[in-house]
Amino acid sequence: MDETPKAGSVAPLSPANVKERNDKRLELITKLAAVDAEFRKRLLKNPKEILDEIGVIYPRELDVMAVELPEKTLPLIIPPFVGQR
């Protein structure tokens, strides 16, 4: 059986390729949000829509949050709590 990809077909992305692709797209999103006021407003209002438009691959069950930081702010993002309460 011939395993040669057909013209116009796309090979599946490996996890490493997905990460590299997403990193580039997320960098584009942050750069656009820094200079395009309308894009920034749309990103803050509906970040999933922007991720989809730009082609970011992510699990659809995730919540996505875009946060606007004030100048001179160091963001500290902590994971969900998994210890005992």
C-alpha atoms as a PDB file:
ATOM      1  CA  MET A   1       0.000   0.000   0.000  1.00  0.00           C
ATOM      2  CA  ASP A   2       1.341   3.473  -0.901  1.00  0.00           C
ATOM      3  CA  GLU A   3       1.951   5.625   2.237  1.00  0.00           C
ATOM      4  CA  THR A   4       2.863   8.764   0.261  1.00  0.00           C
ATOM      5  CA  PRO A   5       0.721  11.757   1.326  1.00  0.00           C
ATOM      6  CA  LYS A   6      -1.679  12.931  -1.342  1.00  0.00           C
ATOM      7  CA  ALA A   7      -1.393  16.447  -2.773  1.00  0.00           C
ATOM      8  CA  GLY A   8      -3.220  18.882  -0.518  1.00  0.00           C
ATOM      9  CA  SER A   9      -3.283  16.515   2.456  1.00  0.00           C
ATOM     10  CA  VAL A  10      -1.877  17.610   5.788  1.00  0.00           C
ATOM     11  CA  ALA A  11       0.060  15.317   8.098  1.00  0.00           C
ATOM     12  CA  PRO A  12      -1.166  15.237  11.715  1.00  0.00           C
ATOM     13  CA  LEU A  13       0.672  17.610  14.043  1.00  0.00           C
ATOM     14  CA  SER A  14       2.850  16.100  16.749  1.00  0.00           C
ATOM     15  CA  PRO A  15       2.464  17.498  20.292  1.00  0.00           C
ATOM     16  CA  ALA A  16       5.781  19.341  19.845  1.00  0.00           C
ATOM     17  CA  ASN A  17       4.586  20.878  16.584  1.00  0.00           C
ATOM     18  CA  VAL A  18       1.279  21.921  18.164  1.00  0.00           C
ATOM     19  CA  LYS A  19       3.156  23.633  21.004  1.00  0.00           C
ATOM     20  CA  GLU A  20       5.488  25.446  18.596  1.00  0.00           C
ATOM     21  CA  ARG A  21       2.541  26.479  16.398  1.00  0.00           C
ATOM     22  CA  ASN A  22       0.510  27.667  19.398  1.00  0.00           C
ATOM     23  CA  ASP A  23       3.471  29.575  20.878  1.00  0.00           C
ATOM     24  CA  LYS A  24       3.849  31.541  17.623  1.00  0.00           C
ATOM     25  CA  ARG A  25       0.129  32.280  17.446  1.00  0.00           C
ATOM     26  CA  LEU A  26      -0.081  33.321  21.111  1.00  0.00           C
ATOM     27  CA  GLU A  27       2.878  35.639  20.582  1.00  0.00           C
ATOM     28  CA  LEU A  28       1.040  37.174  17.623  1.00  0.00           C
ATOM     29  CA  ILE A  29      -2.064  37.677  19.780  1.00  0.00           C
ATOM     30  CA  THR A  30      -0.129  39.479  22.526  1.00  0.00           C
ATOM     31  CA  LYS A  31       1.680  41.674  19.993  1.00  0.00           C
ATOM     32  CA  LEU A  32      -1.577  42.613  18.270  1.00  0.00           C
ATOM     33  CA  ALA A  33      -3.275  43.316  21.608  1.00  0.00           C
ATOM     34  CA  ALA A  34      -0.476  45.738  22.494  1.00  0.00           C
ATOM     35  CA  VAL A  35      -0.990  47.929  19.398  1.00  0.00           C
ATOM     36  CA  ASP A  36      -4.557  47.394  18.111  1.00  0.00           C
ATOM     37  CA  ALA A  37      -7.225  48.800  20.438  1.00  0.00           C
ATOM     38  CA  GLU A  38     -10.165  47.119  18.673  1.00  0.00           C
ATOM     39  CA  PHE A  39      -8.431  43.724  18.653  1.00  0.00           C
ATOM     40  CA  ARG A  40      -7.610  44.189  22.356  1.00  0.00           C
ATOM     41  CA  LYS A  41     -11.262  44.921  23.195  1.00  0.00           C
ATOM     42  CA  ARG A  42     -12.382  41.827  21.277  1.00  0.00           C
ATOM     43  CA  LEU A  43      -9.741  39.700  23.012  1.00  0.00           C
ATOM     44  CA  LEU A  44     -10.832  40.867  26.460  1.00  0.00           C
ATOM     45  CA  LYS A  45     -14.512  40.318  25.632  1.00  0.00           C
ATOM     46  CA  ASN A  46     -14.248  36.883  23.967  1.00  0.00           C
ATOM     47  CA  PRO A  47     -10.762  35.334  24.068  1.00  0.00           C
ATOM     48  CA  LYS A  48     -11.920  31.938  22.711  1.00  0.00           C
ATOM     49  CA  GLU A  49     -13.195  33.618  19.563  1.00  0.00           C
ATOM     50  CA  ILE A  50      -9.772  35.194  19.008  1.00  0.00           C
ATOM     51  CA  LEU A  51      -7.935  31.916  19.680  1.00  0.00           C
ATOM     52  CA  ASP A  52     -10.150  30.218  17.114  1.00  0.00           C
ATOM     53  CA  GLU A  53      -9.644  32.991  14.540  1.00  0.00           C
ATOM     54  CA  ILE A  54      -5.858  32.851  14.911  1.00  0.00           C
ATOM     55  CA  GLY A  55      -5.836  29.038  14.849  1.00  0.00           C
ATOM     56  CA  VAL A  56      -4.688  28.178  18.366  1.00  0.00           C
ATOM     57  CA  ILE A  57      -5.299  24.508  19.203  1.00  0.00           C
ATOM     58  CA  TYR A  58      -6.607  23.943  22.735  1.00  0.00           C
ATOM     59  CA  PRO A  59      -9.088  21.677  24.539  1.00  0.00           C
ATOM     60  CA  ARG A  60     -12.550  23.227  24.101  1.00  0.00           C
ATOM     61  CA  GLU A  61     -13.574  22.376  27.667  1.00  0.00           C
ATOM     62  CA  LEU A  62     -11.006  24.841  29.030  1.00  0.00           C
ATOM     63  CA  ASP A  63     -12.054  28.257  30.242  1.00  0.00           C
ATOM     64  CA  VAL A  64      -9.961  30.959  28.583  1.00  0.00           C
ATOM     65  CA  MET A  65      -9.363  34.288  30.285  1.00  0.00           C
ATOM     66  CA  ALA A  66      -7.650  37.368  28.881  1.00  0.00           C
ATOM     67  CA  VAL A  67      -6.481  39.716  31.634  1.00  0.00           C
ATOM     68  CA  GLU A  68      -5.394  43.306  31.153  1.00  0.00           C
ATOM     69  CA  LEU A  69      -2.551  44.182  33.506  1.00  0.00           C
ATOM     70  CA  PRO A  70      -1.814  47.702  34.693  1.00  0.00           C
ATOM     71  CA  GLU A  71       1.661  49.041  33.906  1.00  0.00           C
ATOM     72  CA  LYS A  72       4.417  48.081  36.327  1.00  0.00           C
ATOM     73  CA  THR A  73       2.635  44.897  37.379  1.00  0.00           C
ATOM     74  CA  LEU A  74       4.318  41.525  37.743  1.00  0.00           C
ATOM     75  CA  PRO A  75       1.750  38.807  37.081  1.00  0.00           C
ATOM     76  CA  LEU A  76       1.958  35.742  39.276  1.00  0.00           C
ATOM     77  CA  ILE A  77      -0.171  32.919  37.964  1.00  0.00           C
ATOM     78  CA  ILE A  78      -0.769  30.013  40.308  1.00  0.00           C
ATOM     79  CA  PRO A  79      -2.242  26.633  39.352  1.00  0.00           C
ATOM     80  CA  PRO A  80      -5.492  25.277  40.796  1.00  0.00           C
ATOM     81  CA  PHE A  81      -5.217  24.131  44.399  1.00  0.00           C
ATOM     82  CA  VAL A  82      -4.820  20.347  44.622  1.00  0.00           C
ATOM     83  CA  GLY A  83      -3.892  19.910  48.298  1.00  0.00           C
ATOM     84  CA  GLN A  84      -6.170  19.107  51.180  1.00  0.00           C
ATOM     85  CA  ARG A  85      -8.229  21.899  52.690  1.00  0.00           C
END
